[in-house]
């Protein structure tokens, strides 16, 4: 079973580049465009790793990280 990784970023170019690389490295990558959706996703899935963009719409990355804890 591949380790699951959640990417939270609204930047499509960042997502495309990193997601492809991480899939090749053996990760199952799930992505969402906002912190709000990322937090909702955590209610239904348990990723091994979460990557959060520093510049998110709606909620800052620091607020999102605090809520993830």
N, C-alpha and C. Protein backbone atom coordinates (compact mmCIF):
# COMPACT_ATOMS: atom_id res chain seq x y z
N UNK A 1 0.83 -1.18 0.00
CA UNK A 1 0.00 0.00 0.00
C UNK A 1 0.88 1.25 0.00
N UNK A 2 0.59 2.17 -0.89
CA UNK A 2 1.38 3.40 -1.01
C UNK A 2 1.03 4.36 0.13
N UNK A 3 2.05 5.09 0.64
CA UNK A 3 1.73 6.11 1.64
C UNK A 3 0.92 7.23 0.99
N UNK A 4 -0.09 7.71 1.71
CA UNK A 4 -0.97 8.76 1.18
C UNK A 4 -0.45 10.14 1.58
N UNK A 5 -0.46 11.06 0.63
CA UNK A 5 0.00 12.42 0.84
C UNK A 5 -1.10 13.38 0.42
N UNK A 6 -1.37 14.38 1.22
CA UNK A 6 -2.37 15.40 0.89
C UNK A 6 -1.64 16.70 0.58
N UNK A 7 -1.90 17.24 -0.60
CA UNK A 7 -1.34 18.54 -0.99
C UNK A 7 -2.45 19.57 -0.95
N UNK A 8 -2.20 20.68 -0.27
CA UNK A 8 -3.15 21.78 -0.20
C UNK A 8 -2.53 22.97 -0.91
N UNK A 9 -2.95 23.21 -2.15
CA UNK A 9 -2.43 24.33 -2.93
C UNK A 9 -3.43 24.73 -4.00
N UNK A 10 -3.51 26.03 -4.23
CA UNK A 10 -4.40 26.55 -5.27
C UNK A 10 -3.61 26.80 -6.56
N UNK A 11 -2.32 26.55 -6.54
CA UNK A 11 -1.46 26.82 -7.69
C UNK A 11 -1.29 25.55 -8.51
N UNK A 12 -1.98 25.52 -9.65
CA UNK A 12 -1.98 24.34 -10.51
C UNK A 12 -0.60 23.92 -10.97
N UNK A 13 0.27 24.89 -11.27
CA UNK A 13 1.61 24.54 -11.76
C UNK A 13 2.43 23.87 -10.67
N UNK A 14 2.27 24.32 -9.44
CA UNK A 14 2.97 23.69 -8.31
C UNK A 14 2.46 22.27 -8.12
N UNK A 15 1.16 22.14 -8.15
CA UNK A 15 0.53 20.83 -7.98
C UNK A 15 1.00 19.85 -9.04
N UNK A 16 0.94 20.26 -10.29
CA UNK A 16 1.32 19.36 -11.39
C UNK A 16 2.76 18.89 -11.25
N UNK A 17 3.64 19.80 -10.95
CA UNK A 17 5.06 19.45 -10.84
C UNK A 17 5.34 18.51 -9.69
N UNK A 18 4.91 18.88 -8.51
CA UNK A 18 5.19 18.06 -7.33
C UNK A 18 4.40 16.76 -7.31
N UNK A 19 3.15 16.80 -7.73
CA UNK A 19 2.32 15.60 -7.70
C UNK A 19 2.91 14.51 -8.59
N UNK A 20 3.35 14.87 -9.77
CA UNK A 20 3.96 13.89 -10.67
C UNK A 20 5.21 13.29 -10.06
N UNK A 21 6.06 14.14 -9.50
CA UNK A 21 7.29 13.67 -8.88
C UNK A 21 7.00 12.74 -7.70
N UNK A 22 6.03 13.12 -6.87
CA UNK A 22 5.70 12.32 -5.70
C UNK A 22 5.06 10.99 -6.07
N UNK A 23 4.25 10.98 -7.10
CA UNK A 23 3.66 9.71 -7.56
C UNK A 23 4.76 8.77 -8.06
N UNK A 24 5.71 9.31 -8.79
CA UNK A 24 6.83 8.49 -9.26
C UNK A 24 7.66 7.96 -8.09
N UNK A 25 7.67 8.71 -6.99
CA UNK A 25 8.42 8.29 -5.81
C UNK A 25 7.65 7.28 -4.97
N UNK A 26 6.40 6.97 -5.38
CA UNK A 26 5.64 5.93 -4.70
C UNK A 26 4.52 6.40 -3.80
N UNK A 27 4.19 7.68 -3.85
CA UNK A 27 3.10 8.19 -3.02
C UNK A 27 1.77 8.18 -3.76
N UNK A 28 0.70 8.01 -3.01
CA UNK A 28 -0.65 8.24 -3.52
C UNK A 28 -0.96 9.70 -3.17
N UNK A 29 -1.12 10.54 -4.18
CA UNK A 29 -1.27 11.98 -3.97
C UNK A 29 -2.73 12.39 -4.14
N UNK A 30 -3.24 13.08 -3.13
CA UNK A 30 -4.57 13.69 -3.21
C UNK A 30 -4.36 15.18 -3.05
N UNK A 31 -5.08 15.98 -3.82
CA UNK A 31 -4.90 17.43 -3.72
C UNK A 31 -6.23 18.14 -3.56
N UNK A 32 -6.16 19.27 -2.88
CA UNK A 32 -7.32 20.15 -2.70
C UNK A 32 -6.81 21.59 -2.84
N UNK A 33 -7.69 22.51 -3.33
CA UNK A 33 -7.24 23.87 -3.61
C UNK A 33 -7.30 24.86 -2.44
N UNK A 34 -7.95 24.49 -1.34
CA UNK A 34 -8.07 25.43 -0.22
C UNK A 34 -7.85 24.72 1.11
N UNK A 35 -7.52 25.51 2.12
CA UNK A 35 -7.34 24.95 3.46
C UNK A 35 -8.65 24.40 4.00
N UNK A 36 -9.75 25.08 3.69
CA UNK A 36 -11.06 24.61 4.15
C UNK A 36 -11.34 23.20 3.62
N UNK A 37 -11.09 22.99 2.34
CA UNK A 37 -11.29 21.64 1.77
C UNK A 37 -10.27 20.65 2.31
N UNK A 38 -9.06 21.12 2.56
CA UNK A 38 -8.05 20.25 3.14
C UNK A 38 -8.46 19.75 4.51
N UNK A 39 -8.97 20.65 5.34
CA UNK A 39 -9.42 20.26 6.67
C UNK A 39 -10.61 19.31 6.59
N UNK A 40 -11.51 19.55 5.64
CA UNK A 40 -12.65 18.64 5.45
C UNK A 40 -12.18 17.26 5.00
N UNK A 41 -11.17 17.23 4.15
CA UNK A 41 -10.62 15.97 3.66
C UNK A 41 -10.03 15.15 4.80
N UNK A 42 -9.44 15.83 5.77
CA UNK A 42 -8.85 15.12 6.91
C UNK A 42 -9.90 14.39 7.74
N UNK A 43 -11.15 14.79 7.63
CA UNK A 43 -12.22 14.11 8.36
C UNK A 43 -12.55 12.75 7.76
N UNK A 44 -12.16 12.51 6.50
CA UNK A 44 -12.49 11.25 5.85
C UNK A 44 -11.27 10.43 5.43
N UNK A 45 -10.10 11.00 5.52
CA UNK A 45 -8.89 10.28 5.13
C UNK A 45 -7.76 10.62 6.11
N UNK A 46 -6.80 9.75 6.21
CA UNK A 46 -5.67 9.96 7.11
C UNK A 46 -4.36 9.89 6.34
N UNK A 47 -3.93 11.00 5.76
CA UNK A 47 -2.68 10.97 5.00
C UNK A 47 -1.47 10.82 5.91
N UNK A 48 -0.43 10.21 5.39
CA UNK A 48 0.81 10.08 6.14
C UNK A 48 1.53 11.42 6.22
N UNK A 49 1.35 12.24 5.18
CA UNK A 49 2.03 13.53 5.08
C UNK A 49 1.07 14.56 4.50
N UNK A 50 1.20 15.80 4.97
CA UNK A 50 0.40 16.89 4.44
C UNK A 50 1.35 18.01 4.02
N UNK A 51 1.24 18.45 2.77
CA UNK A 51 2.00 19.59 2.27
C UNK A 51 1.04 20.75 2.10
N UNK A 52 1.34 21.87 2.75
CA UNK A 52 0.45 23.03 2.71
C UNK A 52 1.18 24.21 2.07
N UNK A 53 0.57 24.79 1.05
CA UNK A 53 1.10 25.98 0.38
C UNK A 53 1.12 27.14 1.38
N UNK A 54 2.13 27.97 1.32
CA UNK A 54 2.22 29.10 2.23
C UNK A 54 1.23 30.21 1.90
N UNK A 55 0.76 30.27 0.66
CA UNK A 55 -0.14 31.34 0.23
C UNK A 55 -1.48 30.75 -0.20
N UNK A 56 -2.35 30.55 0.77
CA UNK A 56 -3.65 29.95 0.50
C UNK A 56 -4.77 31.00 0.56
N UNK A 57 -5.80 30.82 -0.27
CA UNK A 57 -6.96 31.69 -0.13
C UNK A 57 -7.79 31.27 1.09
N UNK A 58 -8.58 32.15 1.61
CA UNK A 58 -9.54 31.88 2.69
C UNK A 58 -8.91 31.79 4.08
N UNK A 59 -8.02 30.85 4.28
CA UNK A 59 -7.40 30.61 5.59
C UNK A 59 -5.89 30.59 5.39
N UNK A 60 -5.15 31.24 6.29
CA UNK A 60 -3.69 31.25 6.14
C UNK A 60 -3.12 29.86 6.40
N UNK A 61 -1.94 29.62 5.90
CA UNK A 61 -1.31 28.32 6.10
C UNK A 61 -1.02 28.08 7.58
N UNK A 62 -0.70 29.14 8.33
CA UNK A 62 -0.44 28.99 9.77
C UNK A 62 -1.72 28.58 10.50
N UNK A 63 -2.85 29.18 10.13
CA UNK A 63 -4.13 28.80 10.75
C UNK A 63 -4.48 27.36 10.40
N UNK A 64 -4.24 26.98 9.15
CA UNK A 64 -4.53 25.61 8.72
C UNK A 64 -3.66 24.61 9.50
N UNK A 65 -2.38 24.93 9.64
CA UNK A 65 -1.47 24.03 10.38
C UNK A 65 -1.91 23.88 11.83
N UNK A 66 -2.34 24.97 12.43
CA UNK A 66 -2.81 24.91 13.81
C UNK A 66 -4.05 24.04 13.94
N UNK A 67 -4.95 24.11 12.97
CA UNK A 67 -6.16 23.29 13.01
C UNK A 67 -5.86 21.82 12.72
N UNK A 68 -4.84 21.57 11.93
CA UNK A 68 -4.47 20.18 11.61
C UNK A 68 -3.94 19.48 12.85
N UNK A 69 -3.19 20.20 13.66
CA UNK A 69 -2.62 19.62 14.89
C UNK A 69 -3.71 18.98 15.69
